[in-house]
Amino acid sequence: MRFSKQRELIQHIVQGTNSHPTAYWIFNKAKKKISNISMGTVYRNLNKLNNDGVIKIFYDNNIARYDWNTVAHDHLKCNKCGKITDINMHTKELQKKVWNQYKFEADNIEITISGICNNH
């Protein structure tokens, strides 16, 4: 990957938080360091980082969120405060169950469980 100070900053922002930020949140953080950065530059670099396996994109309803944790995992989402927490739901067993029940070979399972966290 060719060096880019914008890409390096965006990667640093994503890897520096567990909040599963949106592109707009990342853009606002990046703008504090590089005042002339554009939203298009943020999106292009997020996509490049995702394609290169450096970060991961997942969808919270229709909202793209960015995650430094590229190992397969799932999420808990609080419906009150919006907090998203990484969890591991043992999807290998679920892949076997999907195959046994539906004869469908799942190569990727991403689960988001929504509810209310213990802070409420």
PDB file of N, CA and C in Angstrom:
ATOM      1  N   MET A   1       0.851  -1.169   0.000  1.00  0.00           N
ATOM      2  CA  MET A   1       0.000   0.000   0.000  1.00  0.00           C
ATOM      3  C   MET A   1       0.898   1.234   0.000  1.00  0.00           C
ATOM      4  N   ARG A   2       0.637   2.143  -0.923  1.00  0.00           N
ATOM      5  CA  ARG A   2       1.396   3.379  -0.994  1.00  0.00           C
ATOM      6  C   ARG A   2       1.105   4.238   0.239  1.00  0.00           C
ATOM      7  N   PHE A   3       2.122   4.906   0.749  1.00  0.00           N
ATOM      8  CA  PHE A   3       1.963   5.741   1.931  1.00  0.00           C
ATOM      9  C   PHE A   3       1.079   6.940   1.625  1.00  0.00           C
ATOM     10  N   SER A   4       0.211   7.253   2.553  1.00  0.00           N
ATOM     11  CA  SER A   4      -0.636   8.436   2.470  1.00  0.00           C
ATOM     12  C   SER A   4      -0.858   8.930   3.891  1.00  0.00           C
ATOM     13  N   LYS A   5      -0.550  10.213   4.129  1.00  0.00           N
ATOM     14  CA  LYS A   5      -0.737  10.726   5.500  1.00  0.00           C
ATOM     15  C   LYS A   5      -2.215  10.719   5.873  1.00  0.00           C
ATOM     16  N   GLN A   6      -3.112  10.915   4.897  1.00  0.00           N
ATOM     17  CA  GLN A   6      -4.545  10.865   5.188  1.00  0.00           C
ATOM     18  C   GLN A   6      -4.950   9.448   5.603  1.00  0.00           C
ATOM     19  N   ARG A   7      -4.499   8.455   4.838  1.00  0.00           N
ATOM     20  CA  ARG A   7      -4.842   7.063   5.148  1.00  0.00           C
ATOM     21  C   ARG A   7      -4.274   6.661   6.497  1.00  0.00           C
ATOM     22  N   GLU A   8      -3.043   7.072   6.763  1.00  0.00           N
ATOM     23  CA  GLU A   8      -2.416   6.744   8.045  1.00  0.00           C
ATOM     24  C   GLU A   8      -3.219   7.345   9.204  1.00  0.00           C
ATOM     25  N   LEU A   9      -3.660   8.583   9.058  1.00  0.00           N
ATOM     26  CA  LEU A   9      -4.454   9.231  10.100  1.00  0.00           C
ATOM     27  C   LEU A   9      -5.791   8.519  10.289  1.00  0.00           C
ATOM     28  N   ILE A  10      -6.460   8.203   9.190  1.00  0.00           N
ATOM     29  CA  ILE A  10      -7.754   7.530   9.264  1.00  0.00           C
ATOM     30  C   ILE A  10      -7.605   6.162   9.930  1.00  0.00           C
ATOM     31  N   GLN A  11      -6.578   5.429   9.558  1.00  0.00           N
ATOM     32  CA  GLN A  11      -6.312   4.131  10.182  1.00  0.00           C
ATOM     33  C   GLN A  11      -6.076   4.309  11.684  1.00  0.00           C
ATOM     34  N   HIS A  12      -5.283   5.288  12.056  1.00  0.00           N
ATOM     35  CA  HIS A  12      -4.989   5.563  13.467  1.00  0.00           C
ATOM     36  C   HIS A  12      -6.276   5.896  14.236  1.00  0.00           C
ATOM     37  N   ILE A  13      -7.168   6.672  13.626  1.00  0.00           N
ATOM     38  CA  ILE A  13      -8.435   7.045  14.280  1.00  0.00           C
ATOM     39  C   ILE A  13      -9.284   5.805  14.525  1.00  0.00           C
ATOM     40  N   VAL A  14      -9.433   4.959  13.506  1.00  0.00           N
ATOM     41  CA  VAL A  14     -10.252   3.751  13.661  1.00  0.00           C
ATOM     42  C   VAL A  14      -9.635   2.808  14.684  1.00  0.00           C
ATOM     43  N   GLN A  15      -8.327   2.628  14.624  1.00  0.00           N
ATOM     44  CA  GLN A  15      -7.661   1.702  15.539  1.00  0.00           C
ATOM     45  C   GLN A  15      -7.544   2.255  16.957  1.00  0.00           C
ATOM     46  N   GLY A  16      -7.855   3.531  17.126  1.00  0.00           N
ATOM     47  CA  GLY A  16      -7.751   4.155  18.441  1.00  0.00           C
ATOM     48  C   GLY A  16      -9.056   4.217  19.210  1.00  0.00           C
ATOM     49  N   THR A  17     -10.107   3.550  18.701  1.00  0.00           N
ATOM     50  CA  THR A  17     -11.384   3.596  19.400  1.00  0.00           C
ATOM     51  C   THR A  17     -12.080   2.247  19.343  1.00  0.00           C
ATOM     52  N   ASN A  18     -12.853   1.944  20.360  1.00  0.00           N
ATOM     53  CA  ASN A  18     -13.698   0.757  20.372  1.00  0.00           C
ATOM     54  C   ASN A  18     -15.152   1.127  20.093  1.00  0.00           C
ATOM     55  N   SER A  19     -15.396   2.357  19.648  1.00  0.00           N
ATOM     56  CA  SER A  19     -16.771   2.851  19.499  1.00  0.00           C
ATOM     57  C   SER A  19     -17.442   2.450  18.196  1.00  0.00           C
ATOM     58  N   HIS A  20     -16.722   1.757  17.295  1.00  0.00           N
ATOM     59  CA  HIS A  20     -17.283   1.368  16.003  1.00  0.00           C
ATOM     60  C   HIS A  20     -17.814   2.605  15.281  1.00  0.00           C
ATOM     61  N   PRO A  21     -16.927   3.556  14.966  1.00  0.00           N
ATOM     62  CA  PRO A  21     -17.353   4.865  14.456  1.00  0.00           C
ATOM     63  C   PRO A  21     -17.930   4.823  13.045  1.00  0.00           C
ATOM     64  N   THR A  22     -18.696   5.866  12.735  1.00  0.00           N
ATOM     65  CA  THR A  22     -19.195   6.087  11.381  1.00  0.00           C
ATOM     66  C   THR A  22     -18.147   6.898  10.617  1.00  0.00           C
ATOM     67  N   ALA A  23     -18.307   6.965   9.302  1.00  0.00           N
ATOM     68  CA  ALA A  23     -17.383   7.757   8.479  1.00  0.00           C
ATOM     69  C   ALA A  23     -17.445   9.226   8.874  1.00  0.00           C
ATOM     70  N   TYR A  24     -18.630   9.707   9.191  1.00  0.00           N
ATOM     71  CA  TYR A  24     -18.780  11.113   9.579  1.00  0.00           C
ATOM     72  C   TYR A  24     -18.014  11.403  10.870  1.00  0.00           C
ATOM     73  N   TRP A  25     -18.064  10.508  11.849  1.00  0.00           N
ATOM     74  CA  TRP A  25     -17.332  10.671  13.108  1.00  0.00           C
ATOM     75  C   TRP A  25     -15.828  10.696  12.818  1.00  0.00           C
ATOM     76  N   ILE A  26     -15.385   9.768  11.965  1.00  0.00           N
ATOM     77  CA  ILE A  26     -13.969   9.703  11.591  1.00  0.00           C
ATOM     78  C   ILE A  26     -13.555  10.984  10.874  1.00  0.00           C
ATOM     79  N   PHE A  27     -14.400  11.460   9.954  1.00  0.00           N
ATOM     80  CA  PHE A  27     -14.144  12.703   9.225  1.00  0.00           C
ATOM     81  C   PHE A  27     -13.945  13.870  10.198  1.00  0.00           C
ATOM     82  N   ASN A  28     -14.808  14.002  11.191  1.00  0.00           N
ATOM     83  CA  ASN A  28     -14.687  15.099  12.165  1.00  0.00           C
ATOM     84  C   ASN A  28     -13.394  15.014  12.964  1.00  0.00           C
ATOM     85  N   LYS A  29     -12.983  13.812  13.329  1.00  0.00           N
ATOM     86  CA  LYS A  29     -11.698  13.639  14.034  1.00  0.00           C
ATOM     87  C   LYS A  29     -10.526  13.985  13.114  1.00  0.00           C
ATOM     88  N   ALA A  30     -10.584  13.515  11.868  1.00  0.00           N
ATOM     89  CA  ALA A  30      -9.491  13.746  10.916  1.00  0.00           C
ATOM     90  C   ALA A  30      -9.356  15.231  10.589  1.00  0.00           C
ATOM     91  N   LYS A  31     -10.484  15.932  10.500  1.00  0.00           N
ATOM     92  CA  LYS A  31     -10.494  17.362  10.152  1.00  0.00           C
ATOM     93  C   LYS A  31      -9.716  18.186  11.189  1.00  0.00           C
ATOM     94  N   LYS A  32      -9.674  17.726  12.427  1.00  0.00           N
ATOM     95  CA  LYS A  32      -8.923  18.429  13.470  1.00  0.00           C
ATOM     96  C   LYS A  32      -7.414  18.380  13.206  1.00  0.00           C
ATOM     97  N   LYS A  33      -6.965  17.353  12.486  1.00  0.00           N
ATOM     98  CA  LYS A  33      -5.531  17.192  12.197  1.00  0.00           C
ATOM     99  C   LYS A  33      -5.167  17.661  10.792  1.00  0.00           C
ATOM    100  N   ILE A  34      -6.069  17.421   9.840  1.00  0.00           N
ATOM    101  CA  ILE A  34      -5.848  17.823   8.448  1.00  0.00           C
ATOM    102  C   ILE A  34      -7.082  18.622   8.032  1.00  0.00           C
ATOM    103  N   SER A  35      -7.000  19.936   8.169  1.00  0.00           N
ATOM    104  CA  SER A  35      -8.188  20.786   8.019  1.00  0.00           C
ATOM    105  C   SER A  35      -8.828  20.728   6.631  1.00  0.00           C
ATOM    106  N   ASN A  36      -8.061  20.412   5.605  1.00  0.00           N
ATOM    107  CA  ASN A  36      -8.631  20.410   4.253  1.00  0.00           C
ATOM    108  C   ASN A  36      -9.024  19.009   3.767  1.00  0.00           C
ATOM    109  N   ILE A  37      -9.070  18.026   4.648  1.00  0.00           N
ATOM    110  CA  ILE A  37      -9.471  16.679   4.249  1.00  0.00           C
ATOM    111  C   ILE A  37     -10.950  16.692   3.857  1.00  0.00           C
ATOM    112  N   SER A  38     -11.304  15.931   2.833  1.00  0.00           N
ATOM    113  CA  SER A  38     -12.700  15.892   2.385  1.00  0.00           C
ATOM    114  C   SER A  38     -13.357  14.583   2.817  1.00  0.00           C
ATOM    115  N   MET A  39     -14.684  14.599   2.830  1.00  0.00           N
ATOM    116  CA  MET A  39     -15.446  13.399   3.161  1.00  0.00           C
ATOM    117  C   MET A  39     -15.147  12.302   2.133  1.00  0.00           C
ATOM    118  N   GLY A  40     -14.983  12.682   0.865  1.00  0.00           N
ATOM    119  CA  GLY A  40     -14.649  11.715  -0.176  1.00  0.00           C
ATOM    120  C   GLY A  40     -13.330  11.024   0.092  1.00  0.00           C
ATOM    121  N   THR A  41     -12.346  11.781   0.564  1.00  0.00           N
ATOM    122  CA  THR A  41     -11.040  11.207   0.910  1.00  0.00           C
ATOM    123  C   THR A  41     -11.200  10.212   2.057  1.00  0.00           C
ATOM    124  N   VAL A  42     -12.016  10.555   3.032  1.00  0.00           N
ATOM    125  CA  VAL A  42     -12.253   9.646   4.161  1.00  0.00           C
ATOM    126  C   VAL A  42     -12.880   8.353   3.652  1.00  0.00           C
ATOM    127  N   TYR A  43     -13.943   8.456   2.852  1.00  0.00           N
ATOM    128  CA  TYR A  43     -14.597   7.259   2.322  1.00  0.00           C
ATOM    129  C   TYR A  43     -13.642   6.412   1.476  1.00  0.00           C
ATOM    130  N   ARG A  44     -12.891   7.030   0.579  1.00  0.00           N
ATOM    131  CA  ARG A  44     -11.961   6.282  -0.273  1.00  0.00           C
ATOM    132  C   ARG A  44     -10.928   5.521   0.564  1.00  0.00           C
ATOM    133  N   ASN A  45     -10.393   6.200   1.582  1.00  0.00           N
ATOM    134  CA  ASN A  45      -9.373   5.561   2.415  1.00  0.00           C
ATOM    135  C   ASN A  45      -9.959   4.489   3.321  1.00  0.00           C
ATOM    136  N   LEU A  46     -11.166   4.687   3.830  1.00  0.00           N
ATOM    137  CA  LEU A  46     -11.817   3.636   4.619  1.00  0.00           C
ATOM    138  C   LEU A  46     -12.047   2.395   3.758  1.00  0.00           C
ATOM    139  N   ASN A  47     -12.493   2.588   2.530  1.00  0.00           N
ATOM    140  CA  ASN A  47     -12.705   1.452   1.631  1.00  0.00           C
ATOM    141  C   ASN A  47     -11.396   0.749   1.300  1.00  0.00           C
ATOM    142  N   LYS A  48     -10.341   1.529   1.072  1.00  0.00           N
ATOM    143  CA  LYS A  48      -9.021   0.952   0.782  1.00  0.00           C
ATOM    144  C   LYS A  48      -8.520   0.148   1.984  1.00  0.00           C
ATOM    145  N   LEU A  49      -8.631   0.711   3.183  1.00  0.00           N
ATOM    146  CA  LEU A  49      -8.202   0.012   4.398  1.00  0.00           C
ATOM    147  C   LEU A  49      -9.011  -1.268   4.595  1.00  0.00           C
ATOM    148  N   ASN A  50     -10.303  -1.214   4.305  1.00  0.00           N
ATOM    149  CA  ASN A  50     -11.155  -2.406   4.406  1.00  0.00           C
ATOM    150  C   ASN A  50     -10.732  -3.449   3.365  1.00  0.00           C
ATOM    151  N   ASN A  51     -10.552  -3.034   2.129  1.00  0.00           N
ATOM    152  CA  ASN A  51     -10.155  -3.965   1.066  1.00  0.00           C
ATOM    153  C   ASN A  51      -8.803  -4.608   1.345  1.00  0.00           C
ATOM    154  N   ASP A  52      -7.920  -3.874   2.013  1.00  0.00           N
ATOM    155  CA  ASP A  52      -6.593  -4.397   2.359  1.00  0.00           C
ATOM    156  C   ASP A  52      -6.602  -5.224   3.648  1.00  0.00           C
ATOM    157  N   GLY A  53      -7.772  -5.338   4.304  1.00  0.00           N
ATOM    158  CA  GLY A  53      -7.898  -6.141   5.518  1.00  0.00           C
ATOM    159  C   GLY A  53      -7.361  -5.482   6.767  1.00  0.00           C
ATOM    160  N   VAL A  54      -7.112  -4.179   6.709  1.00  0.00           N
ATOM    161  CA  VAL A  54      -6.563  -3.457   7.858  1.00  0.00           C
ATOM    162  C   VAL A  54      -7.672  -3.127   8.861  1.00  0.00           C
ATOM    163  N   ILE A  55      -8.869  -2.806   8.355  1.00  0.00           N
ATOM    164  CA  ILE A  55     -10.040  -2.559   9.182  1.00  0.00           C
ATOM    165  C   ILE A  55     -11.197  -3.356   8.586  1.00  0.00           C
ATOM    166  N   LYS A  56     -12.331  -3.340   9.272  1.00  0.00           N
ATOM    167  CA  LYS A  56     -13.501  -4.075   8.804  1.00  0.00           C
ATOM    168  C   LYS A  56     -14.708  -3.145   8.817  1.00  0.00           C
ATOM    169  N   ILE A  57     -15.549  -3.273   7.802  1.00  0.00           N
ATOM    170  CA  ILE A  57     -16.810  -2.534   7.748  1.00  0.00           C
ATOM    171  C   ILE A  57     -17.928  -3.489   8.158  1.00  0.00           C
ATOM    172  N   PHE A  58     -18.827  -3.022   9.012  1.00  0.00           N
ATOM    173  CA  PHE A  58     -20.059  -3.774   9.256  1.00  0.00           C
ATOM    174  C   PHE A  58     -21.203  -2.779   9.269  1.00  0.00           C
ATOM    175  N   TYR A  59     -22.398  -3.283   9.119  1.00  0.00           N
ATOM    176  CA  TYR A  59     -23.558  -2.402   8.978  1.00  0.00           C
ATOM    177  C   TYR A  59     -24.466  -2.509  10.185  1.00  0.00           C
ATOM    178  N   ASP A  60     -24.800  -1.347  10.730  1.00  0.00           N
ATOM    179  CA  ASP A  60     -25.731  -1.183  11.834  1.00  0.00           C
ATOM    180  C   ASP A  60     -26.988  -0.596  11.195  1.00  0.00           C
ATOM    181  N   ASN A  61     -27.940  -1.458  10.886  1.00  0.00           N
ATOM    182  CA  ASN A  61     -29.062  -1.116  10.005  1.00  0.00           C
ATOM    183  C   ASN A  61     -28.440  -0.704   8.673  1.00  0.00           C
ATOM    184  N   ASN A  62     -28.644   0.494   8.203  1.00  0.00           N
ATOM    185  CA  ASN A  62     -28.056   0.922   6.931  1.00  0.00           C
ATOM    186  C   ASN A  62     -26.824   1.802   7.121  1.00  0.00           C
ATOM    187  N   ILE A  63     -26.327   1.897   8.332  1.00  0.00           N
ATOM    188  CA  ILE A  63     -25.198   2.772   8.638  1.00  0.00           C
ATOM    189  C   ILE A  63     -23.902   1.952   8.661  1.00  0.00           C
ATOM    190  N   ALA A  64     -22.948   2.341   7.818  1.00  0.00           N
ATOM    191  CA  ALA A  64     -21.644   1.672   7.810  1.00  0.00           C
ATOM    192  C   ALA A  64     -20.865   2.112   9.049  1.00  0.00           C
ATOM    193  N   ARG A  65     -20.318   1.143   9.736  1.00  0.00           N
ATOM    194  CA  ARG A  65     -19.457   1.398  10.886  1.00  0.00           C
ATOM    195  C   ARG A  65     -18.125   0.709  10.631  1.00  0.00           C
ATOM    196  N   TYR A  66     -17.091   1.240  11.251  1.00  0.00           N
ATOM    197  CA  TYR A  66     -15.733   0.780  10.967  1.00  0.00           C
ATOM    198  C   TYR A  66     -15.118   0.230  12.247  1.00  0.00           C
ATOM    199  N   ASP A  67     -14.422  -0.890  12.108  1.00  0.00           N
ATOM    200  CA  ASP A  67     -13.926  -1.641  13.255  1.00  0.00           C
ATOM    201  C   ASP A  67     -12.471  -2.012  13.016  1.00  0.00           C
ATOM    202  N   TRP A  68     -11.623  -1.788  14.000  1.00  0.00           N
ATOM    203  CA  TRP A  68     -10.218  -2.172  13.907  1.00  0.00           C
ATOM    204  C   TRP A  68     -10.064  -3.677  14.057  1.00  0.00           C
ATOM    205  N   ASN A  69     -11.031  -4.321  14.696  1.00  0.00           N
ATOM    206  CA  ASN A  69     -10.957  -5.752  14.965  1.00  0.00           C
ATOM    207  C   ASN A  69     -11.377  -6.525  13.713  1.00  0.00           C
ATOM    208  N   THR A  70     -10.405  -7.087  13.003  1.00  0.00           N
ATOM    209  CA  THR A  70     -10.685  -7.771  11.744  1.00  0.00           C
ATOM    210  C   THR A  70     -10.914  -9.277  11.921  1.00  0.00           C
ATOM    211  N   VAL A  71     -10.761  -9.773  13.133  1.00  0.00           N
ATOM    212  CA  VAL A  71     -11.054 -11.178  13.422  1.00  0.00           C
ATOM    213  C   VAL A  71     -12.577 -11.336  13.453  1.00  0.00           C
ATOM    214  N   ALA A  72     -13.096 -12.427  12.883  1.00  0.00           N
ATOM    215  CA  ALA A  72     -14.547 -12.651  12.851  1.00  0.00           C
ATOM    216  C   ALA A  72     -15.129 -12.548  14.260  1.00  0.00           C
ATOM    217  N   HIS A  73     -16.147 -11.710  14.398  1.00  0.00           N
ATOM    218  CA  HIS A  73     -16.811 -11.543  15.686  1.00  0.00           C
ATOM    219  C   HIS A  73     -18.193 -10.947  15.460  1.00  0.00           C
ATOM    220  N   ASP A  74     -18.958 -10.889  16.530  1.00  0.00           N
ATOM    221  CA  ASP A  74     -20.326 -10.391  16.482  1.00  0.00           C
ATOM    222  C   ASP A  74     -20.448  -9.191  17.414  1.00  0.00           C
ATOM    223  N   HIS A  75     -21.667  -8.642  17.510  1.00  0.00           N
ATOM    224  CA  HIS A  75     -21.853  -7.415  18.283  1.00  0.00           C
ATOM    225  C   HIS A  75     -23.122  -7.436  19.130  1.00  0.00           C
ATOM    226  N   LEU A  76     -23.037  -6.744  20.258  1.00  0.00           N
ATOM    227  CA  LEU A  76     -24.205  -6.385  21.063  1.00  0.00           C
ATOM    228  C   LEU A  76     -24.439  -4.901  20.840  1.00  0.00           C
ATOM    229  N   LYS A  77     -25.706  -4.496  20.653  1.00  0.00           N
ATOM    230  CA  LYS A  77     -26.011  -3.073  20.479  1.00  0.00           C
ATOM    231  C   LYS A  77     -27.103  -2.667  21.459  1.00  0.00           C
ATOM    232  N   CYS A  78     -26.803  -1.636  22.268  1.00  0.00           N
ATOM    233  CA  CYS A  78     -27.785  -1.113  23.212  1.00  0.00           C
ATOM    234  C   CYS A  78     -28.754  -0.176  22.474  1.00  0.00           C
ATOM    235  N   ASN A  79     -30.037  -0.441  22.610  1.00  0.00           N
ATOM    236  CA  ASN A  79     -31.057   0.378  21.953  1.00  0.00           C
ATOM    237  C   ASN A  79     -31.256   1.729  22.628  1.00  0.00           C
ATOM    238  N   LYS A  80     -30.749   1.888  23.843  1.00  0.00           N
ATOM    239  CA  LYS A  80     -30.899   3.178  24.538  1.00  0.00           C
ATOM    240  C   LYS A  80     -29.706   4.098  24.310  1.00  0.00           C
ATOM    241  N   CYS A  81     -28.498   3.609  24.572  1.00  0.00           N
ATOM    242  CA  CYS A  81     -27.323   4.481  24.465  1.00  0.00           C
ATOM    243  C   CYS A  81     -26.579   4.324  23.139  1.00  0.00           C
ATOM    244  N   GLY A  82     -26.876   3.275  22.373  1.00  0.00           N
ATOM    245  CA  GLY A  82     -26.237   3.065  21.076  1.00  0.00           C
ATOM    246  C   GLY A  82     -24.885   2.374  21.137  1.00  0.00           C
ATOM    247  N   LYS A  83     -24.418   2.032  22.340  1.00  0.00           N
ATOM    248  CA  LYS A  83     -23.105   1.391  22.483  1.00  0.00           C
ATOM    249  C   LYS A  83     -23.092   0.052  21.754  1.00  0.00           C
ATOM    250  N   ILE A  84     -21.988  -0.211  21.057  1.00  0.00           N
ATOM    251  CA  ILE A  84     -21.791  -1.476  20.352  1.00  0.00           C
ATOM    252  C   ILE A  84     -20.578  -2.161  20.967  1.00  0.00           C
ATOM    253  N   THR A  85     -20.754  -3.425  21.353  1.00  0.00           N
ATOM    254  CA  THR A  85     -19.718  -4.191  22.029  1.00  0.00           C
ATOM    255  C   THR A  85     -19.390  -5.442  21.217  1.00  0.00           C
ATOM    256  N   ASP A  86     -18.104  -5.738  21.073  1.00  0.00           N
ATOM    257  CA  ASP A  86     -17.677  -6.952  20.386  1.00  0.00           C
ATOM    258  C   ASP A  86     -17.932  -8.171  21.262  1.00  0.00           C
ATOM    259  N   ILE A  87     -18.446  -9.246  20.639  1.00  0.00           N
ATOM    260  CA  ILE A  87     -18.637 -10.529  21.320  1.00  0.00           C
ATOM    261  C   ILE A  87     -18.286 -11.643  20.341  1.00  0.00           C
ATOM    262  N   ASN A  88     -18.147 -12.865  20.850  1.00  0.00           N
ATOM    263  CA  ASN A  88     -17.895 -14.031  20.008  1.00  0.00           C
ATOM    264  C   ASN A  88     -19.021 -15.026  20.230  1.00  0.00           C
ATOM    265  N   MET A  89     -19.804 -15.277  19.184  1.00  0.00           N
ATOM    266  CA  MET A  89     -20.963 -16.177  19.285  1.00  0.00           C
ATOM    267  C   MET A  89     -20.679 -17.580  18.745  1.00  0.00           C
ATOM    268  N   HIS A  90     -19.419 -17.956  18.584  1.00  0.00           N
ATOM    269  CA  HIS A  90     -19.053 -19.299  18.111  1.00  0.00           C
ATOM    270  C   HIS A  90     -19.763 -19.616  16.799  1.00  0.00           C
ATOM    271  N   THR A  91     -19.528 -18.817  15.801  1.00  0.00           N
ATOM    272  CA  THR A  91     -20.245 -18.959  14.537  1.00  0.00           C
ATOM    273  C   THR A  91     -19.872 -20.230  13.774  1.00  0.00           C
ATOM    274  N   LYS A  92     -18.767 -20.877  14.094  1.00  0.00           N
ATOM    275  CA  LYS A  92     -18.430 -22.151  13.428  1.00  0.00           C
ATOM    276  C   LYS A  92     -19.527 -23.187  13.690  1.00  0.00           C
ATOM    277  N   GLU A  93     -19.996 -23.262  14.937  1.00  0.00           N
ATOM    278  CA  GLU A  93     -21.081 -24.189  15.265  1.00  0.00           C
ATOM    279  C   GLU A  93     -22.362 -23.797  14.537  1.00  0.00           C
ATOM    280  N   LEU A  94     -22.601 -22.498  14.430  1.00  0.00           N
ATOM    281  CA  LEU A  94     -23.789 -22.018  13.727  1.00  0.00           C
ATOM    282  C   LEU A  94     -23.697 -22.329  12.229  1.00  0.00           C
ATOM    283  N   GLN A  95     -22.500 -22.221  11.649  1.00  0.00           N
ATOM    284  CA  GLN A  95     -22.316 -22.583  10.241  1.00  0.00           C
ATOM    285  C   GLN A  95     -22.666 -24.051  10.017  1.00  0.00           C
ATOM    286  N   LYS A  96     -22.252 -24.929  10.940  1.00  0.00           N
ATOM    287  CA  LYS A  96     -22.580 -26.358  10.834  1.00  0.00           C
ATOM    288  C   LYS A  96     -24.088 -26.569  10.930  1.00  0.00           C
ATOM    289  N   LYS A  97     -24.726 -25.857  11.850  1.00  0.00           N
ATOM    290  CA  LYS A  97     -26.172 -25.992  12.021  1.00  0.00           C
ATOM    291  C   LYS A  97     -26.916 -25.531  10.761  1.00  0.00           C
ATOM    292  N   VAL A  98     -26.473 -24.429  10.160  1.00  0.00           N
ATOM    293  CA  VAL A  98     -27.087 -23.926   8.926  1.00  0.00           C
ATOM    294  C   VAL A  98     -26.946 -24.973   7.826  1.00  0.00           C
ATOM    295  N   TRP A  99     -25.758 -25.588   7.735  1.00  0.00           N
ATOM    296  CA  TRP A  99     -25.559 -26.613   6.711  1.00  0.00           C
ATOM    297  C   TRP A  99     -26.478 -27.811   6.966  1.00  0.00           C
ATOM    298  N   ASN A 100     -26.501 -28.290   8.215  1.00  0.00           N
ATOM    299  CA  ASN A 100     -27.302 -29.465   8.542  1.00  0.00           C
ATOM    300  C   ASN A 100     -28.802 -29.220   8.314  1.00  0.00           C
ATOM    301  N   GLN A 101     -29.265 -28.049   8.658  1.00  0.00           N
ATOM    302  CA  GLN A 101     -30.697 -27.760   8.567  1.00  0.00           C
ATOM    303  C   GLN A 101     -31.134 -27.313   7.172  1.00  0.00           C
ATOM    304  N   TYR A 102     -30.298 -26.528   6.475  1.00  0.00           N
ATOM    305  CA  TYR A 102     -30.720 -25.921   5.207  1.00  0.00           C
ATOM    306  C   TYR A 102     -29.873 -26.342   4.004  1.00  0.00           C
ATOM    307  N   LYS A 103     -28.806 -27.121   4.250  1.00  0.00           N
ATOM    308  CA  LYS A 103     -27.868 -27.493   3.178  1.00  0.00           C
ATOM    309  C   LYS A 103     -27.345 -26.250   2.467  1.00  0.00           C
ATOM    310  N   PHE A 104     -27.003 -25.258   3.269  1.00  0.00           N
ATOM    311  CA  PHE A 104     -26.475 -23.976   2.794  1.00  0.00           C
ATOM    312  C   PHE A 104     -25.120 -23.782   3.444  1.00  0.00           C
ATOM    313  N   GLU A 105     -24.078 -23.610   2.618  1.00  0.00           N
ATOM    314  CA  GLU A 105     -22.732 -23.433   3.154  1.00  0.00           C
ATOM    315  C   GLU A 105     -22.463 -21.957   3.399  1.00  0.00           C
ATOM    316  N   ALA A 106     -22.585 -21.542   4.654  1.00  0.00           N
ATOM    317  CA  ALA A 106     -22.357 -20.151   5.047  1.00  0.00           C
ATOM    318  C   ALA A 106     -20.863 -19.913   5.195  1.00  0.00           C
ATOM    319  N   ASP A 107     -20.337 -18.901   4.488  1.00  0.00           N
ATOM    320  CA  ASP A 107     -18.922 -18.583   4.633  1.00  0.00           C
ATOM    321  C   ASP A 107     -18.700 -17.377   5.526  1.00  0.00           C
ATOM    322  N   ASN A 108     -19.781 -16.690   5.875  1.00  0.00           N
ATOM    323  CA  ASN A 108     -19.670 -15.545   6.766  1.00  0.00           C
ATOM    324  C   ASN A 108     -20.988 -15.366   7.509  1.00  0.00           C
ATOM    325  N   ILE A 109     -20.897 -15.264   8.819  1.00  0.00           N
ATOM    326  CA  ILE A 109     -22.072 -14.978   9.646  1.00  0.00           C
ATOM    327  C   ILE A 109     -21.707 -13.822  10.551  1.00  0.00           C
ATOM    328  N   GLU A 110     -22.509 -12.769  10.506  1.00  0.00           N
ATOM    329  CA  GLU A 110     -22.320 -11.622  11.385  1.00  0.00           C
ATOM    330  C   GLU A 110     -23.619 -11.408  12.135  1.00  0.00           C
ATOM    331  N   ILE A 111     -23.543 -11.486  13.449  1.00  0.00           N
ATOM    332  CA  ILE A 111     -24.730 -11.360  14.281  1.00  0.00           C
ATOM    333  C   ILE A 111     -24.635 -10.074  15.088  1.00  0.00           C
ATOM    334  N   THR A 112     -25.732  -9.325  15.092  1.00  0.00           N
ATOM    335  CA  THR A 112     -25.854  -8.180  15.988  1.00  0.00           C
ATOM    336  C   THR A 112     -27.086  -8.430  16.859  1.00  0.00           C
ATOM    337  N   ILE A 113     -26.861  -8.485  18.148  1.00  0.00           N
ATOM    338  CA  ILE A 113     -27.950  -8.702  19.107  1.00  0.00           C
ATOM    339  C   ILE A 113     -28.264  -7.350  19.735  1.00  0.00           C
ATOM    340  N   SER A 114     -29.500  -6.910  19.605  1.00  0.00           N
ATOM    341  CA  SER A 114     -29.868  -5.613  20.179  1.00  0.00           C
ATOM    342  C   SER A 114     -30.716  -5.807  21.425  1.00  0.00           C
ATOM    343  N   GLY A 115     -30.605  -4.838  22.310  1.00  0.00           N
ATOM    344  CA  GLY A 115     -31.333  -4.865  23.585  1.00  0.00           C
ATOM    345  C   GLY A 115     -30.912  -3.679  24.417  1.00  0.00           C
ATOM    346  N   ILE A 116     -30.942  -3.860  25.723  1.00  0.00           N
ATOM    347  CA  ILE A 116     -30.603  -2.771  26.652  1.00  0.00           C
ATOM    348  C   ILE A 116     -29.392  -3.215  27.484  1.00  0.00           C
ATOM    349  N   CYS A 117     -28.348  -2.373  27.501  1.00  0.00           N
ATOM    350  CA  CYS A 117     -27.145  -2.732  28.268  1.00  0.00           C
ATOM    351  C   CYS A 117     -27.356  -2.506  29.761  1.00  0.00           C
ATOM    352  N   ASN A 118     -26.404  -2.966  30.560  1.00  0.00           N
ATOM    353  CA  ASN A 118     -26.533  -2.892  32.018  1.00  0.00           C
ATOM    354  C   ASN A 118     -26.297  -1.496  32.573  1.00  0.00           C
ATOM    355  N   ASN A 119     -26.032  -0.501  31.731  1.00  0.00           N
ATOM    356  CA  ASN A 119     -25.879   0.880  32.199  1.00  0.00           C
ATOM    357  C   ASN A 119     -27.221   1.583  32.342  1.00  0.00           C
ATOM    358  N   HIS A 120     -28.314   0.877  32.042  1.00  0.00           N
ATOM    359  CA  HIS A 120     -29.648   1.510  32.087  1.00  0.00           C
ATOM    360  C   HIS A 120     -30.567   0.795  33.021  1.00  0.00           C
TER     361      HIS A 120
END
